[in-house]
Structures are given as C-alpha cells and as structure tokens.
Amino acid sequence: MWCQGPDVVLDVEDLIAHCRKHLTVHKLPQRIHFVQTWEMTATGKVKRG
C-alpha cells in the first residue's frame, strides 16, 4: 500500500486491519515502516536495499 499527500493520515491499527481483511495469515507483514520519501535510482525507480 502506497499513500501520498500531505493530507493523508495512516493509522497502524487501520493498516493492520486492512491487511488482515485482504491477506492470508502467512502473508501478513511482520513490520510496518512509515517513511516520508523513497530513495530513487537515476532512472526514477525505488532504490532497493
């Protein structure tokens, strides 16, 4: 799930509830990290690792 915008408010409990509703148990995230920006590569893709 990727939400953008200054007016977007995400709550951890709501996000976990959404995941439980739409994912099977073994696919539930173990950790949730909120970030302000993504580090991008020179080609405009999200940098991994």
PDB file of N, CA and C in Angstrom:
ATOM      1  N   MET A   1       0.856  -1.171   0.000  1.00  0.00           N
ATOM      2  CA  MET A   1       0.000   0.000   0.000  1.00  0.00           C
ATOM      3  C   MET A   1       0.897   1.228   0.000  1.00  0.00           C
ATOM      4  N   TRP A   2       0.621   2.150  -0.894  1.00  0.00           N
ATOM      5  CA  TRP A   2       1.431   3.354  -1.019  1.00  0.00           C
ATOM      6  C   TRP A   2       0.497   4.535  -1.058  1.00  0.00           C
ATOM      7  N   CYS A   3       0.535   5.387  -0.049  1.00  0.00           N
ATOM      8  CA  CYS A   3      -0.325   6.570   0.025  1.00  0.00           C
ATOM      9  C   CYS A   3       0.547   7.813   0.025  1.00  0.00           C
ATOM     10  N   GLN A   4       0.146   8.797  -0.768  1.00  0.00           N
ATOM     11  CA  GLN A   4       0.903  10.037  -0.848  1.00  0.00           C
ATOM     12  C   GLN A   4       0.004  11.211  -0.535  1.00  0.00           C
ATOM     13  N   GLY A   5       0.623  12.313  -0.176  1.00  0.00           N
ATOM     14  CA  GLY A   5      -0.106  13.553   0.011  1.00  0.00           C
ATOM     15  C   GLY A   5       0.015  14.075   1.416  1.00  0.00           C
ATOM     16  N   PRO A   6      -0.002  15.396   1.552  1.00  0.00           N
ATOM     17  CA  PRO A   6       0.123  15.992   2.885  1.00  0.00           C
ATOM     18  C   PRO A   6      -1.112  15.779   3.758  1.00  0.00           C
ATOM     19  N   ASP A   7      -2.261  15.495   3.138  1.00  0.00           N
ATOM     20  CA  ASP A   7      -3.492  15.332   3.903  1.00  0.00           C
ATOM     21  C   ASP A   7      -3.817  13.866   4.201  1.00  0.00           C
ATOM     22  N   VAL A   8      -2.934  12.939   3.842  1.00  0.00           N
ATOM     23  CA  VAL A   8      -3.156  11.516   4.080  1.00  0.00           C
ATOM     24  C   VAL A   8      -2.733  11.176   5.504  1.00  0.00           C
ATOM     25  N   VAL A   9      -3.638  10.553   6.244  1.00  0.00           N
ATOM     26  CA  VAL A   9      -3.348  10.141   7.618  1.00  0.00           C
ATOM     27  C   VAL A   9      -3.494   8.628   7.692  1.00  0.00           C
ATOM     28  N   LEU A  10      -2.411   7.952   8.063  1.00  0.00           N
ATOM     29  CA  LEU A  10      -2.439   6.499   8.195  1.00  0.00           C
ATOM     30  C   LEU A  10      -2.294   6.123   9.658  1.00  0.00           C
ATOM     31  N   ASP A  11      -3.059   5.149  10.064  1.00  0.00           N
ATOM     32  CA  ASP A  11      -3.019   4.658  11.429  1.00  0.00           C
ATOM     33  C   ASP A  11      -2.558   3.202  11.372  1.00  0.00           C
ATOM     34  N   VAL A  12      -1.648   2.817  12.239  1.00  0.00           N
ATOM     35  CA  VAL A  12      -1.103   1.458  12.230  1.00  0.00           C
ATOM     36  C   VAL A  12      -2.210   0.427  12.400  1.00  0.00           C
ATOM     37  N   GLU A  13      -3.125   0.656  13.317  1.00  0.00           N
ATOM     38  CA  GLU A  13      -4.199  -0.304  13.558  1.00  0.00           C
ATOM     39  C   GLU A  13      -5.100  -0.467  12.332  1.00  0.00           C
ATOM     40  N   ASP A  14      -5.406   0.639  11.650  1.00  0.00           N
ATOM     41  CA  ASP A  14      -6.220   0.566  10.436  1.00  0.00           C
ATOM     42  C   ASP A  14      -5.490  -0.187   9.331  1.00  0.00           C
ATOM     43  N   LEU A  15      -4.200   0.034   9.213  1.00  0.00           N
ATOM     44  CA  LEU A  15      -3.412  -0.648   8.197  1.00  0.00           C
ATOM     45  C   LEU A  15      -3.348  -2.153   8.468  1.00  0.00           C
ATOM     46  N   ILE A  16      -3.155  -2.533   9.712  1.00  0.00           N
ATOM     47  CA  ILE A  16      -3.116  -3.949  10.081  1.00  0.00           C
ATOM     48  C   ILE A  16      -4.480  -4.591   9.834  1.00  0.00           C
ATOM     49  N   ALA A  17      -5.556  -3.896  10.172  1.00  0.00           N
ATOM     50  CA  ALA A  17      -6.903  -4.419   9.929  1.00  0.00           C
ATOM     51  C   ALA A  17      -7.143  -4.615   8.445  1.00  0.00           C
ATOM     52  N   HIS A  18      -6.682  -3.677   7.625  1.00  0.00           N
ATOM     53  CA  HIS A  18      -6.820  -3.799   6.172  1.00  0.00           C
ATOM     54  C   HIS A  18      -6.066  -5.029   5.665  1.00  0.00           C
ATOM     55  N   CYS A  19      -4.845  -5.220   6.159  1.00  0.00           N
ATOM     56  CA  CYS A  19      -4.046  -6.373   5.748  1.00  0.00           C
ATOM     57  C   CYS A  19      -4.711  -7.683   6.156  1.00  0.00           C
ATOM     58  N   ARG A  20      -5.227  -7.735   7.375  1.00  0.00           N
ATOM     59  CA  ARG A  20      -5.894  -8.956   7.842  1.00  0.00           C
ATOM     60  C   ARG A  20      -7.124  -9.282   7.000  1.00  0.00           C
ATOM     61  N   LYS A  21      -7.803  -8.248   6.517  1.00  0.00           N
ATOM     62  CA  LYS A  21      -9.002  -8.442   5.711  1.00  0.00           C
ATOM     63  C   LYS A  21      -8.659  -8.965   4.312  1.00  0.00           C
ATOM     64  N   HIS A  22      -7.526  -8.520   3.749  1.00  0.00           N
ATOM     65  CA  HIS A  22      -7.221  -8.809   2.356  1.00  0.00           C
ATOM     66  C   HIS A  22      -6.102  -9.824   2.134  1.00  0.00           C
ATOM     67  N   LEU A  23      -5.380 -10.216   3.190  1.00  0.00           N
ATOM     68  CA  LEU A  23      -4.258 -11.138   3.026  1.00  0.00           C
ATOM     69  C   LEU A  23      -4.451 -12.390   3.877  1.00  0.00           C
ATOM     70  N   THR A  24      -3.834 -13.471   3.437  1.00  0.00           N
ATOM     71  CA  THR A  24      -3.844 -14.678   4.256  1.00  0.00           C
ATOM     72  C   THR A  24      -2.844 -14.486   5.398  1.00  0.00           C
ATOM     73  N   VAL A  25      -2.945 -15.327   6.417  1.00  0.00           N
ATOM     74  CA  VAL A  25      -2.141 -15.160   7.627  1.00  0.00           C
ATOM     75  C   VAL A  25      -0.642 -15.183   7.335  1.00  0.00           C
ATOM     76  N   HIS A  26      -0.199 -16.089   6.458  1.00  0.00           N
ATOM     77  CA  HIS A  26       1.242 -16.187   6.205  1.00  0.00           C
ATOM     78  C   HIS A  26       1.775 -15.030   5.364  1.00  0.00           C
ATOM     79  N   LYS A  27       0.916 -14.193   4.806  1.00  0.00           N
ATOM     80  CA  LYS A  27       1.356 -13.043   4.015  1.00  0.00           C
ATOM     81  C   LYS A  27       1.251 -11.718   4.776  1.00  0.00           C
ATOM     82  N   LEU A  28       0.804 -11.750   6.019  1.00  0.00           N
ATOM     83  CA  LEU A  28       0.708 -10.524   6.815  1.00  0.00           C
ATOM     84  C   LEU A  28       2.101  -9.955   7.070  1.00  0.00           C
ATOM     85  N   PRO A  29       2.255  -8.637   6.998  1.00  0.00           N
ATOM     86  CA  PRO A  29       3.576  -8.049   7.251  1.00  0.00           C
ATOM     87  C   PRO A  29       3.989  -8.216   8.709  1.00  0.00           C
ATOM     88  N   GLN A  30       5.273  -8.461   8.903  1.00  0.00           N
ATOM     89  CA  GLN A  30       5.800  -8.590  10.263  1.00  0.00           C
ATOM     90  C   GLN A  30       6.183  -7.227  10.822  1.00  0.00           C
ATOM     91  N   ARG A  31       6.555  -6.295   9.935  1.00  0.00           N
ATOM     92  CA  ARG A  31       6.946  -4.950  10.335  1.00  0.00           C
ATOM     93  C   ARG A  31       6.292  -3.949   9.397  1.00  0.00           C
ATOM     94  N   ILE A  32       5.995  -2.780   9.924  1.00  0.00           N
ATOM     95  CA  ILE A  32       5.454  -1.688   9.116  1.00  0.00           C
ATOM     96  C   ILE A  32       6.318  -0.462   9.388  1.00  0.00           C
ATOM     97  N   HIS A  33       6.834   0.134   8.323  1.00  0.00           N
ATOM     98  CA  HIS A  33       7.672   1.324   8.431  1.00  0.00           C
ATOM     99  C   HIS A  33       7.002   2.461   7.671  1.00  0.00           C
ATOM    100  N   PHE A  34       6.854   3.599   8.314  1.00  0.00           N
ATOM    101  CA  PHE A  34       6.336   4.790   7.657  1.00  0.00           C
ATOM    102  C   PHE A  34       7.519   5.657   7.261  1.00  0.00           C
ATOM    103  N   VAL A  35       7.567   6.064   5.996  1.00  0.00           N
ATOM    104  CA  VAL A  35       8.655   6.910   5.508  1.00  0.00           C
ATOM    105  C   VAL A  35       8.077   8.144   4.826  1.00  0.00           C
ATOM    106  N   GLN A  36       8.829   9.229   4.864  1.00  0.00           N
ATOM    107  CA  GLN A  36       8.396  10.463   4.210  1.00  0.00           C
ATOM    108  C   GLN A  36       8.674  10.420   2.711  1.00  0.00           C
ATOM    109  N   THR A  37       9.844   9.907   2.333  1.00  0.00           N
ATOM    110  CA  THR A  37      10.222   9.836   0.923  1.00  0.00           C
ATOM    111  C   THR A  37      10.905   8.506   0.642  1.00  0.00           C
ATOM    112  N   TRP A  38      10.918   8.130  -0.629  1.00  0.00           N
ATOM    113  CA  TRP A  38      11.611   6.932  -1.085  1.00  0.00           C
ATOM    114  C   TRP A  38      12.906   7.349  -1.746  1.00  0.00           C
ATOM    115  N   GLU A  39      13.957   6.613  -1.509  1.00  0.00           N
ATOM    116  CA  GLU A  39      15.224   6.853  -2.204  1.00  0.00           C
ATOM    117  C   GLU A  39      15.085   6.283  -3.615  1.00  0.00           C
ATOM    118  N   MET A  40      15.391   7.111  -4.629  1.00  0.00           N
ATOM    119  CA  MET A  40      15.180   6.709  -6.018  1.00  0.00           C
ATOM    120  C   MET A  40      16.526   6.521  -6.740  1.00  0.00           C
ATOM    121  N   THR A  41      16.494   5.664  -7.776  1.00  0.00           N
ATOM    122  CA  THR A  41      17.658   5.488  -8.634  1.00  0.00           C
ATOM    123  C   THR A  41      17.674   6.593  -9.690  1.00  0.00           C
ATOM    124  N   ALA A  42      18.717   6.612 -10.493  1.00  0.00           N
ATOM    125  CA  ALA A  42      18.837   7.626 -11.555  1.00  0.00           C
ATOM    126  C   ALA A  42      17.722   7.480 -12.608  1.00  0.00           C
ATOM    127  N   THR A  43      17.164   6.277 -12.731  1.00  0.00           N
ATOM    128  CA  THR A  43      16.096   6.041 -13.714  1.00  0.00           C
ATOM    129  C   THR A  43      14.706   6.283 -13.139  1.00  0.00           C
ATOM    130  N   GLY A  44      14.625   6.702 -11.869  1.00  0.00           N
ATOM    131  CA  GLY A  44      13.345   7.026 -11.264  1.00  0.00           C
ATOM    132  C   GLY A  44      12.628   5.876 -10.593  1.00  0.00           C
ATOM    133  N   LYS A  45      13.329   4.769 -10.375  1.00  0.00           N
ATOM    134  CA  LYS A  45      12.725   3.621  -9.700  1.00  0.00           C
ATOM    135  C   LYS A  45      13.113   3.645  -8.218  1.00  0.00           C
ATOM    136  N   VAL A  46      12.322   2.995  -7.387  1.00  0.00           N
ATOM    137  CA  VAL A  46      12.625   2.926  -5.951  1.00  0.00           C
ATOM    138  C   VAL A  46      13.889   2.103  -5.751  1.00  0.00           C
ATOM    139  N   LYS A  47      14.840   2.675  -5.023  1.00  0.00           N
ATOM    140  CA  LYS A  47      16.117   2.001  -4.761  1.00  0.00           C
ATOM    141  C   LYS A  47      15.907   0.912  -3.726  1.00  0.00           C
ATOM    142  N   ARG A  48      16.410  -0.270  -4.022  1.00  0.00           N
ATOM    143  CA  ARG A  48      16.281  -1.408  -3.105  1.00  0.00           C
ATOM    144  C   ARG A  48      17.561  -1.596  -2.311  1.00  0.00           C
ATOM    145  N   GLY A  49      17.369  -2.115  -1.098  1.00  0.00           N
ATOM    146  CA  GLY A  49      18.491  -2.494  -0.254  1.00  0.00           C
ATOM    147  C   GLY A  49      19.363  -1.399   0.060  1.00  0.00           C
TER     148      GLY A  49
END
